[in-house]
Amino acid sequence: MTAPPFTLRPATEDDFPFMRDTKLDGLEPYVRALWGWNRSEQERKARDEFDPAGRWIVVWDGVDAGYVHIERQADVVTLAGIYLVPPMRRRGLGAAVIQRVMDGARAEGKPVALRVLKPNPARRLYERLGFRVVGETQERYFMRSD
């Protein structure tokens, strides 16, 4: 499959409702499986934690398709989150975005790290892209790609 063309634009405060809803829609099944789901509590948490820095809106064919959250440290680039709206999933877009993050980190001579909730099948995608599990807790896998 050819990677779909997309652009990334810096997120702003105005993007909060879109980003909150995209993230909560994507995480709900996995959070529900682990801890149960309380939408209002998750919305409050999303507002409290929101900061547009390091977050990029994924734009595909002129439409906001999701967002990616990247944290850069001295020795590693962390893929802190990637969330796509439902119609944009399973089209290769997520893999293309992750590959761009990996390519950028490689150009900086850094590995990419991420964490994924255990019920989330995205782990298989991460493994296909070259990530390996380097640690785990009861709820999460910690993965890294060098």
Protein backbone atom coordinates (compact mmCIF):
# COMPACT_ATOMS: atom_id res chain seq x y z
CA MET A 1 0.00 0.00 0.00
CA THR A 2 1.31 3.43 -0.92
CA ALA A 3 1.50 5.81 2.01
CA PRO A 4 -1.24 8.42 1.75
CA PRO A 5 -0.06 12.01 1.31
CA PHE A 6 -0.56 14.09 4.41
CA THR A 7 0.71 17.23 6.05
CA LEU A 8 1.23 18.14 9.68
CA ARG A 9 0.31 21.52 11.08
CA PRO A 10 1.05 22.73 14.61
CA ALA A 11 -1.92 22.33 16.94
CA THR A 12 -3.44 25.40 18.60
CA GLU A 13 -5.80 25.96 21.53
CA ASP A 14 -8.64 26.07 18.99
CA ASP A 15 -7.93 22.43 18.12
CA PHE A 16 -8.70 21.24 21.66
CA PRO A 17 -12.30 20.02 21.05
CA PHE A 18 -11.24 18.05 17.95
CA MET A 19 -8.20 16.59 19.69
CA ARG A 20 -10.13 15.70 22.86
CA ASP A 21 -12.89 13.94 20.96
CA THR A 22 -10.46 12.12 18.65
CA LYS A 23 -8.36 10.90 21.56
CA LEU A 24 -11.28 9.82 23.73
CA ASP A 25 -12.96 8.03 20.83
CA GLY A 26 -9.74 6.16 20.12
CA LEU A 27 -8.96 5.25 23.72
CA GLU A 28 -12.42 4.43 25.06
CA PRO A 29 -12.48 0.67 24.32
CA TYR A 30 -9.06 0.12 25.90
CA VAL A 31 -9.61 2.33 28.94
CA ARG A 32 -13.01 0.71 29.43
CA ALA A 33 -11.41 -2.75 29.33
CA LEU A 34 -8.79 -1.83 31.94
CA TRP A 35 -10.46 0.60 34.33
CA GLY A 36 -14.02 1.28 33.21
CA TRP A 37 -15.17 4.41 31.40
CA ASN A 38 -16.36 7.74 32.76
CA ARG A 39 -16.64 10.20 29.86
CA SER A 40 -16.87 13.32 32.01
CA GLU A 41 -13.81 12.30 34.04
CA GLN A 42 -11.87 11.62 30.82
CA GLU A 43 -12.92 15.00 29.38
CA ARG A 44 -11.76 16.77 32.56
CA LYS A 45 -8.44 14.93 32.44
CA ALA A 46 -7.98 15.81 28.76
CA ARG A 47 -8.58 19.51 29.50
CA ASP A 48 -6.22 19.48 32.49
CA GLU A 49 -3.44 17.84 30.47
CA PHE A 50 -3.90 19.77 27.22
CA ASP A 51 -1.00 21.73 25.85
CA PRO A 52 -0.72 22.24 22.09
CA ALA A 53 3.11 22.14 22.25
CA GLY A 54 4.48 19.06 20.53
CA ARG A 55 1.10 18.21 19.01
CA TRP A 56 0.52 18.25 15.29
CA ILE A 57 -2.75 17.97 13.42
CA VAL A 58 -2.62 15.34 10.67
CA VAL A 59 -4.24 16.79 7.56
CA TRP A 60 -5.20 14.43 4.76
CA ASP A 61 -6.80 15.72 1.57
CA GLY A 62 -7.56 19.03 3.27
CA VAL A 63 -9.35 17.41 6.23
CA ASP A 64 -8.20 17.17 9.83
CA ALA A 65 -7.73 13.42 10.13
CA GLY A 66 -6.22 13.17 13.61
CA TYR A 67 -3.20 14.26 15.57
CA VAL A 68 0.19 13.13 16.74
CA HIS A 69 1.91 14.08 19.99
CA ILE A 70 5.72 14.04 19.88
CA GLU A 71 8.05 14.72 22.78
CA ARG A 72 11.72 15.35 22.04
CA GLN A 73 14.33 14.66 24.70
CA ALA A 74 18.11 14.79 24.43
CA ASP A 75 18.45 11.05 23.81
CA VAL A 76 15.05 9.87 22.53
CA VAL A 77 11.98 10.94 20.60
CA THR A 78 8.78 9.80 22.29
CA LEU A 79 5.67 9.13 20.27
CA ALA A 80 3.38 10.15 23.13
CA GLY A 81 0.21 9.58 21.12
CA ILE A 82 -1.31 9.17 17.71
CA TYR A 83 -5.05 9.36 17.24
CA LEU A 84 -7.06 9.27 14.02
CA VAL A 85 -10.76 9.90 13.45
CA PRO A 86 -12.61 6.65 12.65
CA PRO A 87 -13.04 7.18 8.88
CA MET A 88 -9.27 7.68 8.53
CA ARG A 89 -8.24 4.48 10.30
CA ARG A 90 -6.99 1.35 8.52
CA ARG A 91 -5.90 3.28 5.43
CA GLY A 92 -2.16 3.33 6.10
CA LEU A 93 -2.25 6.88 7.40
CA GLY A 94 -1.21 6.02 10.96
CA ALA A 95 1.71 3.94 9.71
CA ALA A 96 2.80 6.77 7.40
CA VAL A 97 2.70 9.31 10.25
CA ILE A 98 4.66 7.00 12.55
CA GLN A 99 7.20 6.32 9.81
CA ARG A 100 7.72 10.07 9.37
CA VAL A 101 8.35 10.41 13.12
CA MET A 102 10.81 7.50 12.95
CA ASP A 103 12.60 8.97 9.92
CA GLY A 104 12.96 12.32 11.69
CA ALA A 105 14.32 10.66 14.84
CA ARG A 106 16.75 8.57 12.78
CA ALA A 107 18.03 11.76 11.13
CA GLU A 108 18.71 13.09 14.65
CA GLY A 109 20.43 9.83 15.63
CA LYS A 110 17.74 9.03 18.21
CA PRO A 111 15.50 6.05 18.88
CA VAL A 112 11.72 6.37 19.15
CA ALA A 113 9.90 5.24 22.28
CA LEU A 114 6.19 4.79 22.93
CA ARG A 115 3.78 3.10 25.27
CA VAL A 116 0.57 1.30 24.41
CA LEU A 117 -2.26 -0.04 26.53
CA LYS A 118 -2.25 -3.84 26.52
CA PRO A 119 -5.76 -4.28 25.07
CA ASN A 120 -4.89 -2.00 22.12
CA PRO A 121 -4.24 -3.99 18.92
CA ALA A 122 -2.02 -1.13 17.65
CA ARG A 123 0.85 -3.05 19.22
CA ARG A 124 0.89 -5.24 16.09
CA LEU A 125 1.30 -2.17 13.88
CA TYR A 126 4.15 -0.92 16.04
CA GLU A 127 5.88 -4.30 15.81
CA ARG A 128 5.48 -4.33 12.01
CA LEU A 129 7.16 -0.92 11.95
CA GLY A 130 10.13 -2.24 13.92
CA PHE A 131 9.25 -1.47 17.54
CA ARG A 132 9.99 -4.06 20.20
CA VAL A 133 8.70 -4.40 23.74
CA VAL A 134 11.36 -3.24 26.23
CA GLY A 135 9.23 -3.26 29.37
CA GLU A 136 5.72 -3.61 30.67
CA THR A 137 3.39 -2.93 33.55
CA GLN A 138 0.07 -4.58 34.28
CA GLU A 139 -1.63 -2.13 31.89
CA ARG A 140 0.98 -1.10 29.30
CA TYR A 141 3.77 -2.19 27.01
CA PHE A 142 6.76 0.11 26.60
CA MET A 143 8.21 -0.13 23.12
CA ARG A 144 11.25 1.22 21.33
CA SER A 145 12.57 1.39 17.82
CA ASP A 146 16.29 2.05 17.28
